[in-house]
Amino acid sequence: MAITNDQLRSYSFLKEMYEDDYFPTFLVDKCRDILTALCEEVERVKPATDSDLLELTHAATEEINELASEFEDNDSELETNAREILAADFDFIVKAYGFDLDLEEIIAPRDW
């Protein structure tokens, strides 16, 4: 399923991480794929409530949590810069779908 939201269809997910050699491209790709899948799931499910949307964002956050050891195995980590970039993209996604939620709620289960 392709993203249909106009704001997100052409959005460059994790752009700053791609531009930083500290982050292995193949791992940034995995994070991007999780964010893209989140968008596709939002469009498929069409969450009606904040709680419904948070279930989706939390699942995506937990998937990214699972990548932490892979980053470490490749001499990288989901450190401050990565956290800010990931959080900003989650926030952009949520707002693009018309929700107004606190960023800490959106990514509450994060380990990064």
PDB file of N, CA and C in Angstrom:
ATOM      1  N   MET A   1       0.845  -1.182   0.000  1.00  0.00           N
ATOM      2  CA  MET A   1       0.000   0.000   0.000  1.00  0.00           C
ATOM      3  C   MET A   1       0.892   1.249   0.000  1.00  0.00           C
ATOM      4  N   ALA A   2       0.610   2.155  -0.839  1.00  0.00           N
ATOM      5  CA  ALA A   2       1.375   3.401  -0.912  1.00  0.00           C
ATOM      6  C   ALA A   2       0.721   4.464  -0.032  1.00  0.00           C
ATOM      7  N   ILE A   3       1.530   5.352   0.495  1.00  0.00           N
ATOM      8  CA  ILE A   3       1.018   6.458   1.305  1.00  0.00           C
ATOM      9  C   ILE A   3       0.243   7.404   0.392  1.00  0.00           C
ATOM     10  N   THR A   4      -0.956   7.789   0.833  1.00  0.00           N
ATOM     11  CA  THR A   4      -1.773   8.688   0.023  1.00  0.00           C
ATOM     12  C   THR A   4      -1.823  10.107   0.578  1.00  0.00           C
ATOM     13  N   ASN A   5      -1.436  10.309   1.826  1.00  0.00           N
ATOM     14  CA  ASN A   5      -1.439  11.627   2.430  1.00  0.00           C
ATOM     15  C   ASN A   5      -0.450  12.521   1.675  1.00  0.00           C
ATOM     16  N   ASP A   6      -0.940  13.633   1.159  1.00  0.00           N
ATOM     17  CA  ASP A   6      -0.112  14.520   0.337  1.00  0.00           C
ATOM     18  C   ASP A   6       1.127  15.031   1.076  1.00  0.00           C
ATOM     19  N   GLN A   7       0.998  15.348   2.354  1.00  0.00           N
ATOM     20  CA  GLN A   7       2.132  15.868   3.116  1.00  0.00           C
ATOM     21  C   GLN A   7       3.212  14.807   3.305  1.00  0.00           C
ATOM     22  N   LEU A   8       2.795  13.557   3.415  1.00  0.00           N
ATOM     23  CA  LEU A   8       3.734  12.480   3.720  1.00  0.00           C
ATOM     24  C   LEU A   8       4.261  11.752   2.491  1.00  0.00           C
ATOM     25  N   ARG A   9       3.499  11.781   1.432  1.00  0.00           N
ATOM     26  CA  ARG A   9       3.904  11.053   0.223  1.00  0.00           C
ATOM     27  C   ARG A   9       5.271  11.497  -0.274  1.00  0.00           C
ATOM     28  N   SER A  10       5.550  12.774  -0.173  1.00  0.00           N
ATOM     29  CA  SER A  10       6.831  13.292  -0.665  1.00  0.00           C
ATOM     30  C   SER A  10       7.778  13.683   0.475  1.00  0.00           C
ATOM     31  N   TYR A  11       7.431  13.329   1.687  1.00  0.00           N
ATOM     32  CA  TYR A  11       8.250  13.687   2.849  1.00  0.00           C
ATOM     33  C   TYR A  11       9.528  12.850   2.881  1.00  0.00           C
ATOM     34  N   SER A  12      10.640  13.474   3.205  1.00  0.00           N
ATOM     35  CA  SER A  12      11.921  12.773   3.306  1.00  0.00           C
ATOM     36  C   SER A  12      12.140  12.341   4.753  1.00  0.00           C
ATOM     37  N   PHE A  13      11.721  11.128   5.059  1.00  0.00           N
ATOM     38  CA  PHE A  13      11.880  10.606   6.406  1.00  0.00           C
ATOM     39  C   PHE A  13      13.362  10.499   6.770  1.00  0.00           C
ATOM     40  N   LEU A  14      13.671  10.913   7.989  1.00  0.00           N
ATOM     41  CA  LEU A  14      15.003  10.736   8.580  1.00  0.00           C
ATOM     42  C   LEU A  14      16.129  11.344   7.744  1.00  0.00           C
ATOM     43  N   LYS A  15      15.828  12.407   7.069  1.00  0.00           N
ATOM     44  CA  LYS A  15      16.783  13.034   6.154  1.00  0.00           C
ATOM     45  C   LYS A  15      18.135  13.297   6.813  1.00  0.00           C
ATOM     46  N   GLU A  16      18.114  13.857   8.025  1.00  0.00           N
ATOM     47  CA  GLU A  16      19.368  14.205   8.700  1.00  0.00           C
ATOM     48  C   GLU A  16      20.165  12.960   9.081  1.00  0.00           C
ATOM     49  N   MET A  17      19.487  11.860   9.364  1.00  0.00           N
ATOM     50  CA  MET A  17      20.209  10.622   9.681  1.00  0.00           C
ATOM     51  C   MET A  17      20.890  10.076   8.430  1.00  0.00           C
ATOM     52  N   TYR A  18      20.222  10.188   7.302  1.00  0.00           N
ATOM     53  CA  TYR A  18      20.841   9.754   6.044  1.00  0.00           C
ATOM     54  C   TYR A  18      22.077  10.587   5.714  1.00  0.00           C
ATOM     55  N   GLU A  19      22.061  11.848   6.106  1.00  0.00           N
ATOM     56  CA  GLU A  19      23.171  12.748   5.788  1.00  0.00           C
ATOM     57  C   GLU A  19      24.359  12.582   6.731  1.00  0.00           C
ATOM     58  N   ASP A  20      24.174  11.825   7.809  1.00  0.00           N
ATOM     59  CA  ASP A  20      25.221  11.651   8.814  1.00  0.00           C
ATOM     60  C   ASP A  20      25.807  10.244   8.711  1.00  0.00           C
ATOM     61  N   ASP A  21      27.082  10.150   8.363  1.00  0.00           N
ATOM     62  CA  ASP A  21      27.745   8.855   8.184  1.00  0.00           C
ATOM     63  C   ASP A  21      27.791   8.007   9.453  1.00  0.00           C
ATOM     64  N   TYR A  22      27.524   8.610  10.599  1.00  0.00           N
ATOM     65  CA  TYR A  22      27.525   7.874  11.859  1.00  0.00           C
ATOM     66  C   TYR A  22      26.433   6.796  11.883  1.00  0.00           C
ATOM     67  N   PHE A  23      25.360   7.030  11.132  1.00  0.00           N
ATOM     68  CA  PHE A  23      24.236   6.102  11.101  1.00  0.00           C
ATOM     69  C   PHE A  23      24.313   5.232   9.847  1.00  0.00           C
ATOM     70  N   PRO A  24      24.441   3.917  10.011  1.00  0.00           N
ATOM     71  CA  PRO A  24      24.501   3.030   8.839  1.00  0.00           C
ATOM     72  C   PRO A  24      23.219   3.146   8.005  1.00  0.00           C
ATOM     73  N   THR A  25      23.394   3.352   6.733  1.00  0.00           N
ATOM     74  CA  THR A  25      22.253   3.555   5.843  1.00  0.00           C
ATOM     75  C   THR A  25      21.245   2.421   5.923  1.00  0.00           C
ATOM     76  N   PHE A  26      21.725   1.171   5.980  1.00  0.00           N
ATOM     77  CA  PHE A  26      20.783   0.059   5.990  1.00  0.00           C
ATOM     78  C   PHE A  26      19.925   0.054   7.255  1.00  0.00           C
ATOM     79  N   LEU A  27      20.437   0.606   8.360  1.00  0.00           N
ATOM     80  CA  LEU A  27      19.643   0.698   9.580  1.00  0.00           C
ATOM     81  C   LEU A  27      18.697   1.891   9.542  1.00  0.00           C
ATOM     82  N   VAL A  28      19.141   2.974   8.947  1.00  0.00           N
ATOM     83  CA  VAL A  28      18.244   4.114   8.757  1.00  0.00           C
ATOM     84  C   VAL A  28      17.100   3.693   7.833  1.00  0.00           C
ATOM     85  N   ASP A  29      17.420   2.876   6.833  1.00  0.00           N
ATOM     86  CA  ASP A  29      16.364   2.337   5.953  1.00  0.00           C
ATOM     87  C   ASP A  29      15.331   1.559   6.757  1.00  0.00           C
ATOM     88  N   LYS A  30      15.790   0.771   7.722  1.00  0.00           N
ATOM     89  CA  LYS A  30      14.857   0.000   8.548  1.00  0.00           C
ATOM     90  C   LYS A  30      13.958   0.926   9.361  1.00  0.00           C
ATOM     91  N   CYS A  31      14.529   1.993   9.905  1.00  0.00           N
ATOM     92  CA  CYS A  31      13.725   2.967  10.646  1.00  0.00           C
ATOM     93  C   CYS A  31      12.727   3.664   9.721  1.00  0.00           C
ATOM     94  N   ARG A  32      13.199   4.038   8.547  1.00  0.00           N
ATOM     95  CA  ARG A  32      12.311   4.670   7.561  1.00  0.00           C
ATOM     96  C   ARG A  32      11.168   3.742   7.197  1.00  0.00           C
ATOM     97  N   ASP A  33      11.480   2.459   7.010  1.00  0.00           N
ATOM     98  CA  ASP A  33      10.440   1.489   6.654  1.00  0.00           C
ATOM     99  C   ASP A  33       9.400   1.367   7.761  1.00  0.00           C
ATOM    100  N   ILE A  34       9.830   1.460   9.011  1.00  0.00           N
ATOM    101  CA  ILE A  34       8.883   1.413  10.134  1.00  0.00           C
ATOM    102  C   ILE A  34       7.980   2.640  10.102  1.00  0.00           C
ATOM    103  N   LEU A  35       8.549   3.806   9.850  1.00  0.00           N
ATOM    104  CA  LEU A  35       7.734   5.024   9.777  1.00  0.00           C
ATOM    105  C   LEU A  35       6.781   4.991   8.586  1.00  0.00           C
ATOM    106  N   THR A  36       7.253   4.475   7.471  1.00  0.00           N
ATOM    107  CA  THR A  36       6.395   4.348   6.289  1.00  0.00           C
ATOM    108  C   THR A  36       5.252   3.368   6.575  1.00  0.00           C
ATOM    109  N   ALA A  37       5.574   2.262   7.208  1.00  0.00           N
ATOM    110  CA  ALA A  37       4.544   1.277   7.561  1.00  0.00           C
ATOM    111  C   ALA A  37       3.538   1.883   8.542  1.00  0.00           C
ATOM    112  N   LEU A  38       4.017   2.738   9.444  1.00  0.00           N
ATOM    113  CA  LEU A  38       3.112   3.428  10.361  1.00  0.00           C
ATOM    114  C   LEU A  38       2.109   4.267   9.572  1.00  0.00           C
ATOM    115  N   CYS A  39       2.592   5.022   8.608  1.00  0.00           N
ATOM    116  CA  CYS A  39       1.696   5.838   7.774  1.00  0.00           C
ATOM    117  C   CYS A  39       0.680   4.961   7.050  1.00  0.00           C
ATOM    118  N   GLU A  40       1.147   3.883   6.473  1.00  0.00           N
ATOM    119  CA  GLU A  40       0.249   2.982   5.748  1.00  0.00           C
ATOM    120  C   GLU A  40      -0.789   2.380   6.691  1.00  0.00           C
ATOM    121  N   GLU A  41      -0.378   2.054   7.901  1.00  0.00           N
ATOM    122  CA  GLU A  41      -1.309   1.479   8.878  1.00  0.00           C
ATOM    123  C   GLU A  41      -2.335   2.521   9.333  1.00  0.00           C
ATOM    124  N   VAL A  42      -1.904   3.748   9.518  1.00  0.00           N
ATOM    125  CA  VAL A  42      -2.843   4.820   9.874  1.00  0.00           C
ATOM    126  C   VAL A  42      -3.879   4.977   8.775  1.00  0.00           C
ATOM    127  N   GLU A  43      -3.444   4.942   7.537  1.00  0.00           N
ATOM    128  CA  GLU A  43      -4.380   5.089   6.420  1.00  0.00           C
ATOM    129  C   GLU A  43      -5.300   3.881   6.282  1.00  0.00           C
ATOM    130  N   ARG A  44      -4.802   2.704   6.606  1.00  0.00           N
ATOM    131  CA  ARG A  44      -5.614   1.498   6.509  1.00  0.00           C
ATOM    132  C   ARG A  44      -6.638   1.431   7.638  1.00  0.00           C
ATOM    133  N   VAL A  45      -6.191   1.705   8.857  1.00  0.00           N
ATOM    134  CA  VAL A  45      -7.044   1.574  10.043  1.00  0.00           C
ATOM    135  C   VAL A  45      -7.955   2.791  10.228  1.00  0.00           C
ATOM    136  N   LYS A  46      -7.452   3.952   9.852  1.00  0.00           N
ATOM    137  CA  LYS A  46      -8.165   5.210  10.048  1.00  0.00           C
ATOM    138  C   LYS A  46      -8.583   5.382  11.516  1.00  0.00           C
ATOM    139  N   PRO A  47      -7.601   5.518  12.417  1.00  0.00           N
ATOM    140  CA  PRO A  47      -7.915   5.636  13.839  1.00  0.00           C
ATOM    141  C   PRO A  47      -8.843   6.814  14.116  1.00  0.00           C
ATOM    142  N   ALA A  48      -9.865   6.559  14.910  1.00  0.00           N
ATOM    143  CA  ALA A  48     -10.869   7.578  15.199  1.00  0.00           C
ATOM    144  C   ALA A  48     -10.546   8.365  16.464  1.00  0.00           C
ATOM    145  N   THR A  49      -9.764   7.787  17.343  1.00  0.00           N
ATOM    146  CA  THR A  49      -9.470   8.445  18.611  1.00  0.00           C
ATOM    147  C   THR A  49      -7.958   8.563  18.807  1.00  0.00           C
ATOM    148  N   ASP A  50      -7.584   9.434  19.734  1.00  0.00           N
ATOM    149  CA  ASP A  50      -6.171   9.577  20.083  1.00  0.00           C
ATOM    150  C   ASP A  50      -5.615   8.237  20.553  1.00  0.00           C
ATOM    151  N   SER A  51      -6.389   7.539  21.350  1.00  0.00           N
ATOM    152  CA  SER A  51      -5.961   6.241  21.877  1.00  0.00           C
ATOM    153  C   SER A  51      -5.698   5.243  20.758  1.00  0.00           C
ATOM    154  N   ASP A  52      -6.561   5.237  19.751  1.00  0.00           N
ATOM    155  CA  ASP A  52      -6.376   4.338  18.603  1.00  0.00           C
ATOM    156  C   ASP A  52      -5.067   4.661  17.878  1.00  0.00           C
ATOM    157  N   LEU A  53      -4.797   5.937  17.696  1.00  0.00           N
ATOM    158  CA  LEU A  53      -3.569   6.344  17.016  1.00  0.00           C
ATOM    159  C   LEU A  53      -2.344   5.992  17.862  1.00  0.00           C
ATOM    160  N   LEU A  54      -2.438   6.201  19.169  1.00  0.00           N
ATOM    161  CA  LEU A  54      -1.302   5.907  20.038  1.00  0.00           C
ATOM    162  C   LEU A  54      -0.946   4.426  20.022  1.00  0.00           C
ATOM    163  N   GLU A  55      -1.907   3.573  19.851  1.00  0.00           N
ATOM    164  CA  GLU A  55      -1.602   2.137  19.720  1.00  0.00           C
ATOM    165  C   GLU A  55      -0.665   1.911  18.537  1.00  0.00           C
ATOM    166  N   LEU A  56      -0.919   2.612  17.449  1.00  0.00           N
ATOM    167  CA  LEU A  56      -0.098   2.467  16.243  1.00  0.00           C
ATOM    168  C   LEU A  56       1.282   3.088  16.424  1.00  0.00           C
ATOM    169  N   THR A  57       1.334   4.291  17.000  1.00  0.00           N
ATOM    170  CA  THR A  57       2.635   4.938  17.176  1.00  0.00           C
ATOM    171  C   THR A  57       3.489   4.182  18.201  1.00  0.00           C
ATOM    172  N   HIS A  58       2.843   3.642  19.212  1.00  0.00           N
ATOM    173  CA  HIS A  58       3.597   2.877  20.216  1.00  0.00           C
ATOM    174  C   HIS A  58       4.173   1.605  19.618  1.00  0.00           C
ATOM    175  N   ALA A  59       3.402   0.936  18.775  1.00  0.00           N
ATOM    176  CA  ALA A  59       3.911  -0.281  18.117  1.00  0.00           C
ATOM    177  C   ALA A  59       5.121   0.057  17.250  1.00  0.00           C
ATOM    178  N   ALA A  60       5.061   1.161  16.511  1.00  0.00           N
ATOM    179  CA  ALA A  60       6.188   1.578  15.668  1.00  0.00           C
ATOM    180  C   ALA A  60       7.392   1.954  16.526  1.00  0.00           C
ATOM    181  N   THR A  61       7.148   2.636  17.626  1.00  0.00           N
ATOM    182  CA  THR A  61       8.227   3.012  18.542  1.00  0.00           C
ATOM    183  C   THR A  61       8.931   1.772  19.073  1.00  0.00           C
ATOM    184  N   GLU A  62       8.155   0.770  19.444  1.00  0.00           N
ATOM    185  CA  GLU A  62       8.736  -0.465  19.969  1.00  0.00           C
ATOM    186  C   GLU A  62       9.547  -1.203  18.897  1.00  0.00           C
ATOM    187  N   GLU A  63       9.116  -1.115  17.654  1.00  0.00           N
ATOM    188  CA  GLU A  63       9.904  -1.720  16.569  1.00  0.00           C
ATOM    189  C   GLU A  63      11.262  -1.031  16.441  1.00  0.00           C
ATOM    190  N   ILE A  64      11.270   0.278  16.575  1.00  0.00           N
ATOM    191  CA  ILE A  64      12.531   1.018  16.513  1.00  0.00           C
ATOM    192  C   ILE A  64      13.399   0.670  17.724  1.00  0.00           C
ATOM    193  N   ASN A  65      12.768   0.512  18.892  1.00  0.00           N
ATOM    194  CA  ASN A  65      13.517   0.088  20.081  1.00  0.00           C
ATOM    195  C   ASN A  65      14.310  -1.186  19.796  1.00  0.00           C
ATOM    196  N   GLU A  66      13.707  -2.090  19.061  1.00  0.00           N
ATOM    197  CA  GLU A  66      14.333  -3.380  18.777  1.00  0.00           C
ATOM    198  C   GLU A  66      15.572  -3.250  17.892  1.00  0.00           C
ATOM    199  N   LEU A  67      15.746  -2.114  17.246  1.00  0.00           N
ATOM    200  CA  LEU A  67      16.909  -1.906  16.376  1.00  0.00           C
ATOM    201  C   LEU A  67      18.134  -1.378  17.127  1.00  0.00           C
ATOM    202  N   ALA A  68      17.971  -1.015  18.379  1.00  0.00           N
ATOM    203  CA  ALA A  68      19.061  -0.395  19.134  1.00  0.00           C
ATOM    204  C   ALA A  68      20.321  -1.257  19.133  1.00  0.00           C
ATOM    205  N   SER A  69      20.168  -2.548  19.357  1.00  0.00           N
ATOM    206  CA  SER A  69      21.358  -3.411  19.404  1.00  0.00           C
ATOM    207  C   SER A  69      22.024  -3.525  18.038  1.00  0.00           C
ATOM    208  N   GLU A  70      21.227  -3.471  16.971  1.00  0.00           N
ATOM    209  CA  GLU A  70      21.821  -3.498  15.628  1.00  0.00           C
ATOM    210  C   GLU A  70      22.658  -2.240  15.383  1.00  0.00           C
ATOM    211  N   PHE A  71      22.156  -1.101  15.853  1.00  0.00           N
ATOM    212  CA  PHE A  71      22.940   0.129  15.726  1.00  0.00           C
ATOM    213  C   PHE A  71      24.255  -0.034  16.486  1.00  0.00           C
ATOM    214  N   GLU A  72      24.176  -0.535  17.716  1.00  0.00           N
ATOM    215  CA  GLU A  72      25.382  -0.714  18.526  1.00  0.00           C
ATOM    216  C   GLU A  72      26.349  -1.700  17.878  1.00  0.00           C
ATOM    217  N   ASP A  73      25.826  -2.765  17.295  1.00  0.00           N
ATOM    218  CA  ASP A  73      26.679  -3.752  16.618  1.00  0.00           C
ATOM    219  C   ASP A  73      27.407  -3.154  15.424  1.00  0.00           C
ATOM    220  N   ASN A  74      26.912  -2.024  14.939  1.00  0.00           N
ATOM    221  CA  ASN A  74      27.515  -1.362  13.775  1.00  0.00           C
ATOM    222  C   ASN A  74      28.145  -0.026  14.163  1.00  0.00           C
ATOM    223  N   ASP A  75      28.638   0.028  15.399  1.00  0.00           N
ATOM    224  CA  ASP A  75      29.354   1.204  15.905  1.00  0.00           C
ATOM    225  C   ASP A  75      28.557   2.499  15.791  1.00  0.00           C
ATOM    226  N   SER A  76      27.284   2.405  16.100  1.00  0.00           N
ATOM    227  CA  SER A  76      26.401   3.550  16.073  1.00  0.00           C
ATOM    228  C   SER A  76      25.427   3.395  17.239  1.00  0.00           C
ATOM    229  N   GLU A  77      24.566   4.351  17.428  1.00  0.00           N
ATOM    230  CA  GLU A  77      23.519   4.219  18.437  1.00  0.00           C
ATOM    231  C   GLU A  77      22.440   5.250  18.175  1.00  0.00           C
ATOM    232  N   LEU A  78      21.291   4.991  18.777  1.00  0.00           N
ATOM    233  CA  LEU A  78      20.184   5.932  18.667  1.00  0.00           C
ATOM    234  C   LEU A  78      20.375   6.975  19.773  1.00  0.00           C
ATOM    235  N   GLU A  79      21.332   7.865  19.539  1.00  0.00           N
ATOM    236  CA  GLU A  79      21.713   8.877  20.507  1.00  0.00           C
ATOM    237  C   GLU A  79      20.898  10.146  20.315  1.00  0.00           C
ATOM    238  N   THR A  80      21.304  11.196  20.991  1.00  0.00           N
ATOM    239  CA  THR A  80      20.522  12.429  21.043  1.00  0.00           C
ATOM    240  C   THR A  80      20.065  12.921  19.677  1.00  0.00           C
ATOM    241  N   ASN A  81      20.965  13.016  18.720  1.00  0.00           N
ATOM    242  CA  ASN A  81      20.597  13.516  17.398  1.00  0.00           C
ATOM    243  C   ASN A  81      19.555  12.607  16.742  1.00  0.00           C
ATOM    244  N   ALA A  82      19.765  11.307  16.817  1.00  0.00           N
ATOM    245  CA  ALA A  82      18.810  10.359  16.235  1.00  0.00           C
ATOM    246  C   ALA A  82      17.461  10.466  16.932  1.00  0.00           C
ATOM    247  N   ARG A  83      17.484  10.585  18.248  1.00  0.00           N
ATOM    248  CA  ARG A  83      16.230  10.706  19.015  1.00  0.00           C
ATOM    249  C   ARG A  83      15.420  11.905  18.534  1.00  0.00           C
ATOM    250  N   GLU A  84      16.104  13.020  18.368  1.00  0.00           N
ATOM    251  CA  GLU A  84      15.407  14.238  17.942  1.00  0.00           C
ATOM    252  C   GLU A  84      14.841  14.092  16.532  1.00  0.00           C
ATOM    253  N   ILE A  85      15.593  13.475  15.650  1.00  0.00           N
ATOM    254  CA  ILE A  85      15.142  13.289  14.272  1.00  0.00           C
ATOM    255  C   ILE A  85      13.954  12.340  14.223  1.00  0.00           C
ATOM    256  N   LEU A  86      14.064  11.219  14.913  1.00  0.00           N
ATOM    257  CA  LEU A  86      12.960  10.253  14.956  1.00  0.00           C
ATOM    258  C   LEU A  86      11.713  10.881  15.575  1.00  0.00           C
ATOM    259  N   ALA A  87      11.886  11.569  16.691  1.00  0.00           N
ATOM    260  CA  ALA A  87      10.744  12.193  17.361  1.00  0.00           C
ATOM    261  C   ALA A  87      10.072  13.222  16.453  1.00  0.00           C
ATOM    262  N   ALA A  88      10.864  14.017  15.757  1.00  0.00           N
ATOM    263  CA  ALA A  88      10.302  15.030  14.852  1.00  0.00           C
ATOM    264  C   ALA A  88       9.488  14.376  13.739  1.00  0.00           C
ATOM    265  N   ASP A  89       9.975  13.253  13.220  1.00  0.00           N
ATOM    266  CA  ASP A  89       9.237  12.572  12.159  1.00  0.00           C
ATOM    267  C   ASP A  89       7.938  11.958  12.690  1.00  0.00           C
ATOM    268  N   PHE A  90       7.973  11.375  13.880  1.00  0.00           N
ATOM    269  CA  PHE A  90       6.730  10.877  14.486  1.00  0.00           C
ATOM    270  C   PHE A  90       5.739  12.027  14.656  1.00  0.00           C
ATOM    271  N   ASP A  91       6.208  13.160  15.144  1.00  0.00           N
ATOM    272  CA  ASP A  91       5.345  14.314  15.351  1.00  0.00           C
ATOM    273  C   ASP A  91       4.755  14.794  14.025  1.00  0.00           C
ATOM    274  N   PHE A  92       5.584  14.851  12.991  1.00  0.00           N
ATOM    275  CA  PHE A  92       5.113  15.280  11.672  1.00  0.00           C
ATOM    276  C   PHE A  92       4.029  14.330  11.156  1.00  0.00           C
ATOM    277  N   ILE A  93       4.231  13.038  11.322  1.00  0.00           N
ATOM    278  CA  ILE A  93       3.257  12.043  10.863  1.00  0.00           C
ATOM    279  C   ILE A  93       1.917  12.249  11.565  1.00  0.00           C
ATOM    280  N   VAL A  94       1.964  12.357  12.878  1.00  0.00           N
ATOM    281  CA  VAL A  94       0.734  12.498  13.657  1.00  0.00           C
ATOM    282  C   VAL A  94      -0.034  13.756  13.243  1.00  0.00           C
ATOM    283  N   LYS A  95       0.683  14.847  13.095  1.00  0.00           N
ATOM    284  CA  LYS A  95       0.031  16.106  12.699  1.00  0.00           C
ATOM    285  C   LYS A  95      -0.508  16.031  11.268  1.00  0.00           C
ATOM    286  N   ALA A  96       0.211  15.358  10.385  1.00  0.00           N
ATOM    287  CA  ALA A  96      -0.235  15.238   8.996  1.00  0.00           C
ATOM    288  C   ALA A  96      -1.566  14.484   8.896  1.00  0.00           C
ATOM    289  N   TYR A  97      -1.838  13.633   9.879  1.00  0.00           N
ATOM    290  CA  TYR A  97      -3.112  12.912   9.898  1.00  0.00           C
ATOM    291  C   TYR A  97      -4.164  13.589  10.765  1.00  0.00           C
ATOM    292  N   GLY A  98      -3.882  14.831  11.173  1.00  0.00           N
ATOM    293  CA  GLY A  98      -4.886  15.643  11.848  1.00  0.00           C
ATOM    294  C   GLY A  98      -4.992  15.457  13.355  1.00  0.00           C
ATOM    295  N   PHE A  99      -4.013  14.836  13.969  1.00  0.00           N
ATOM    296  CA  PHE A  99      -4.045  14.647  15.414  1.00  0.00           C
ATOM    297  C   PHE A  99      -3.134  15.671  16.081  1.00  0.00           C
ATOM    298  N   ASP A 100      -3.519  16.078  17.280  1.00  0.00           N
ATOM    299  CA  ASP A 100      -2.728  17.030  18.050  1.00  0.00           C
ATOM    300  C   ASP A 100      -2.437  16.388  19.402  1.00  0.00           C
ATOM    301  N   LEU A 101      -1.305  15.700  19.465  1.00  0.00           N
ATOM    302  CA  LEU A 101      -0.935  14.971  20.669  1.00  0.00           C
ATOM    303  C   LEU A 101       0.438  15.404  21.166  1.00  0.00           C
ATOM    304  N   ASP A 102       0.651  15.238  22.452  1.00  0.00           N
ATOM    305  CA  ASP A 102       1.942  15.521  23.048  1.00  0.00           C
ATOM    306  C   ASP A 102       2.962  14.521  22.520  1.00  0.00           C
ATOM    307  N   LEU A 103       4.121  15.005  22.114  1.00  0.00           N
ATOM    308  CA  LEU A 103       5.146  14.153  21.525  1.00  0.00           C
ATOM    309  C   LEU A 103       5.557  13.030  22.477  1.00  0.00           C
ATOM    310  N   GLU A 104       5.657  13.331  23.758  1.00  0.00           N
ATOM    311  CA  GLU A 104       6.044  12.290  24.717  1.00  0.00           C
ATOM    312  C   GLU A 104       5.020  11.165  24.769  1.00  0.00           C
ATOM    313  N   GLU A 105       3.757  11.496  24.571  1.00  0.00           N
ATOM    314  CA  GLU A 105       2.717  10.457  24.511  1.00  0.00           C
ATOM    315  C   GLU A 105       2.868   9.615  23.244  1.00  0.00           C
ATOM    316  N   ILE A 106       3.183  10.270  22.155  1.00  0.00           N
ATOM    317  CA  ILE A 106       3.281   9.600  20.860  1.00  0.00           C
ATOM    318  C   ILE A 106       4.344   8.507  20.883  1.00  0.00           C
ATOM    319  N   ILE A 107       5.469   8.793  21.512  1.00  0.00           N
ATOM    320  CA  ILE A 107       6.593   7.854  21.528  1.00  0.00           C
ATOM    321  C   ILE A 107       6.879   7.356  22.947  1.00  0.00           C
ATOM    322  N   ALA A 108       5.855   7.245  23.762  1.00  0.00           N
ATOM    323  CA  ALA A 108       6.016   6.899  25.185  1.00  0.00           C
ATOM    324  C   ALA A 108       6.862   5.653  25.453  1.00  0.00           C
ATOM    325  N   PRO A 109       6.756   4.590  24.674  1.00  0.00           N
ATOM    326  CA  PRO A 109       7.549   3.391  25.007  1.00  0.00           C
ATOM    327  C   PRO A 109       8.988   3.412  24.506  1.00  0.00           C
ATOM    328  N   ARG A 110       9.479   4.555  24.074  1.00  0.00           N
ATOM    329  CA  ARG A 110      10.818   4.605  23.471  1.00  0.00           C
ATOM    330  C   ARG A 110      11.918   4.285  24.472  1.00  0.00           C
ATOM    331  N   ASP A 111      12.940   3.607  23.976  1.00  0.00           N
ATOM    332  CA  ASP A 111      14.155   3.337  24.739  1.00  0.00           C
ATOM    333  C   ASP A 111      15.297   4.209  24.243  1.00  0.00           C
ATOM    334  N   TRP A 112      15.093   4.969  23.199  1.00  0.00           N
ATOM    335  CA  TRP A 112      16.136   5.781  22.603  1.00  0.00           C
ATOM    336  C   TRP A 112      15.998   7.224  23.033  1.00  0.00           C
TER     337      TRP A 112
END
